[in-house]
């Protein structure tokens, strides 16, 4: 699974809003500048988040956007899914209309299914508040090295 730029930016926007006073509306332009995202792209992200009911907006001079719930009521999974769609690693797990001739004999579908479960459970267990607080250690990862693996080296030649 690769989280798209839109998914990553949606998380950044939501985390930004989670640090703000929830009684005030934050102008789109201010969010865009704060997160170093173009206004047009921020508008696209906010539109998706608003349609899903994750943020609410007001137009006008004192207009802008704010969260509709407390930061501890949003999960990383719902935000990424709102921006990117299904988080499953393969189409056969995310699209009910997907037809695969190898489905009955596929040895990898259970592997992908378990990967999907781990990813979905972890992202569903993390709230915006957890991320803001740095509380990323979840029971799901107990016994698993939680440090990031090293970045792959660039191929030369």
Protein backbone atom coordinates (compact mmCIF):
# COMPACT_ATOMS: atom_id res chain seq x y z
CA UNK A 1 0.00 0.00 0.00
CA UNK A 2 1.28 3.41 -0.94
CA UNK A 3 -0.39 6.40 0.66
CA UNK A 4 -0.83 9.06 -2.02
CA UNK A 5 0.25 12.67 -1.75
CA UNK A 6 -3.40 13.56 -1.22
CA UNK A 7 -3.61 11.12 1.70
CA UNK A 8 -0.42 12.46 3.29
CA UNK A 9 -1.53 16.06 2.84
CA UNK A 10 -4.99 15.28 4.25
CA UNK A 11 -3.29 13.99 7.39
CA UNK A 12 -1.19 17.16 7.59
CA UNK A 13 -4.24 19.41 7.19
CA UNK A 14 -6.21 17.48 9.81
CA UNK A 15 -3.29 17.53 12.24
CA UNK A 16 -2.95 21.28 11.66
CA UNK A 17 -6.64 21.82 12.39
CA UNK A 18 -6.37 19.60 15.47
CA UNK A 19 -3.81 21.99 16.96
CA UNK A 20 -6.07 25.01 16.49
CA UNK A 21 -8.82 26.49 18.63
CA UNK A 22 -11.90 24.48 17.64
CA UNK A 23 -14.20 27.47 18.15
CA UNK A 24 -12.60 29.39 15.28
CA UNK A 25 -12.56 28.74 11.57
CA UNK A 26 -9.14 28.62 9.91
CA UNK A 27 -8.92 30.20 6.44
CA UNK A 28 -7.99 27.81 3.63
CA UNK A 29 -5.13 30.04 2.53
CA UNK A 30 -3.65 30.03 6.04
CA UNK A 31 -3.76 26.21 6.17
CA UNK A 32 -2.18 25.97 2.74
CA UNK A 33 0.65 28.31 3.70
CA UNK A 34 1.19 26.62 7.06
CA UNK A 35 1.47 23.20 5.41
CA UNK A 36 3.33 24.40 2.30
CA UNK A 37 0.62 23.03 0.00
CA UNK A 38 -0.86 24.96 -2.90
CA UNK A 39 -4.20 26.63 -2.19
CA UNK A 40 -5.81 24.75 -5.09
CA UNK A 41 -4.64 21.35 -3.78
CA UNK A 42 -5.63 22.23 -0.21
CA UNK A 43 -9.07 23.17 -1.51
CA UNK A 44 -9.40 19.75 -3.19
CA UNK A 45 -8.41 18.00 0.04
CA UNK A 46 -10.74 20.11 2.20
CA UNK A 47 -13.61 19.44 -0.20
CA UNK A 48 -13.16 15.67 0.28
CA UNK A 49 -12.87 16.02 4.04
CA UNK A 50 -15.92 18.29 4.17
CA UNK A 51 -18.09 15.96 2.05
CA UNK A 52 -17.18 13.14 4.46
CA UNK A 53 -18.19 15.30 7.44
CA UNK A 54 -14.69 15.41 8.92
CA UNK A 55 -14.49 19.21 8.72
CA UNK A 56 -17.03 21.98 8.42
CA UNK A 57 -16.65 25.26 6.64
CA UNK A 58 -18.06 28.76 6.70
CA UNK A 59 -17.80 31.24 3.83
CA UNK A 60 -17.13 34.90 4.13
CA UNK A 61 -14.68 37.29 5.70
CA UNK A 62 -14.28 35.25 8.90
CA UNK A 63 -14.77 31.98 7.07
CA UNK A 64 -12.62 28.91 6.99
CA UNK A 65 -12.65 25.35 8.26
CA UNK A 66 -12.56 23.50 11.54
CA UNK A 67 -12.87 19.95 12.82
CA UNK A 68 -16.36 18.59 13.47
CA UNK A 69 -15.18 16.38 16.36
CA UNK A 70 -12.43 16.26 18.97
CA UNK A 71 -8.98 15.11 17.73
CA UNK A 72 -9.31 11.88 19.72
CA UNK A 73 -12.42 10.96 17.70
CA UNK A 74 -10.67 10.85 14.29
CA UNK A 75 -8.60 7.89 13.17
CA UNK A 76 -5.75 7.94 10.69
CA UNK A 77 -7.57 5.20 8.78
CA UNK A 78 -10.72 7.25 8.18
CA UNK A 79 -8.74 10.30 7.06
CA UNK A 80 -6.51 8.37 4.65
CA UNK A 81 -9.50 6.35 3.34
CA UNK A 82 -11.43 9.59 2.78
CA UNK A 83 -8.56 11.05 0.76
CA UNK A 84 -7.32 7.91 -1.01
CA UNK A 85 -10.18 5.43 -1.03
CA UNK A 86 -9.75 1.84 0.14
CA UNK A 87 -6.48 1.07 1.90
CA UNK A 88 -6.32 -2.56 0.80
CA UNK A 89 -3.02 -3.54 -0.84
CA UNK A 90 -4.70 -5.30 -3.80
CA UNK A 91 -7.91 -4.79 -5.79
CA UNK A 92 -9.40 -8.19 -4.94
CA UNK A 93 -9.68 -7.09 -1.29
CA UNK A 94 -11.07 -3.61 -1.91
CA UNK A 95 -13.37 -3.87 -4.92
CA UNK A 96 -16.38 -6.21 -4.58
CA UNK A 97 -16.83 -6.14 -8.35
CA UNK A 98 -13.23 -7.16 -9.08
CA UNK A 99 -13.07 -10.53 -10.77
CA UNK A 100 -9.91 -12.58 -10.73
CA UNK A 101 -9.66 -15.87 -12.59
CA UNK A 102 -7.04 -17.06 -10.09
CA UNK A 103 -8.98 -16.25 -6.93
CA UNK A 104 -9.67 -19.86 -5.99
CA UNK A 105 -6.05 -20.94 -6.41
CA UNK A 106 -4.32 -17.72 -5.33
CA UNK A 107 -1.76 -18.45 -2.63
CA UNK A 108 -1.09 -14.75 -2.04
CA UNK A 109 -4.64 -13.57 -1.26
CA UNK A 110 -4.40 -14.71 2.39
CA UNK A 111 -1.03 -12.95 2.70
CA UNK A 112 -2.48 -9.74 1.28
CA UNK A 113 -5.55 -10.18 3.48
CA UNK A 114 -3.45 -10.39 6.63
CA UNK A 115 -1.35 -7.40 5.55
CA UNK A 116 -4.54 -5.44 4.99
CA UNK A 117 -5.79 -6.41 8.45
CA UNK A 118 -2.57 -5.29 10.13
CA UNK A 119 -2.51 -1.96 8.28
CA UNK A 120 -6.22 -1.27 8.81
CA UNK A 121 -6.12 -2.20 12.49
CA UNK A 122 -3.06 -0.07 13.16
CA UNK A 123 -4.35 3.00 11.32
CA UNK A 124 -7.78 2.55 12.95
CA UNK A 125 -6.15 2.48 16.38
CA UNK A 126 -4.37 5.81 15.90
CA UNK A 127 -6.25 9.01 16.53
CA UNK A 128 -5.18 12.51 15.61
CA UNK A 129 -4.62 13.11 19.32
CA UNK A 130 -2.36 10.05 19.56
CA UNK A 131 -0.25 11.37 16.69
CA UNK A 132 -0.05 14.86 18.19
CA UNK A 133 0.98 13.34 21.53
CA UNK A 134 3.52 10.98 19.89
CA UNK A 135 1.58 8.00 21.25
CA UNK A 136 2.31 5.64 18.35
CA UNK A 137 3.10 2.47 20.31
CA UNK A 138 0.06 0.27 20.00
CA UNK A 139 -0.47 -3.28 21.21
CA UNK A 140 -0.60 -4.33 17.57
CA UNK A 141 3.12 -3.65 17.33
CA UNK A 142 4.12 -5.36 20.57
CA UNK A 143 7.17 -7.47 19.84
CA UNK A 144 7.64 -5.92 16.41
CA UNK A 145 10.45 -3.48 15.80
CA UNK A 146 8.57 -0.19 15.44
CA UNK A 147 11.48 1.84 14.08
CA UNK A 148 11.33 2.77 10.44
CA UNK A 149 13.44 0.65 8.11
CA UNK A 150 16.29 2.45 6.35
CA UNK A 151 15.40 4.18 3.10
CA UNK A 152 16.38 2.25 0.00
CA UNK A 153 19.46 3.57 -1.70
CA UNK A 154 19.10 5.25 -5.08
CA UNK A 155 20.02 3.09 -8.02
CA UNK A 156 22.92 4.42 -10.03
CA UNK A 157 23.93 3.63 -13.50
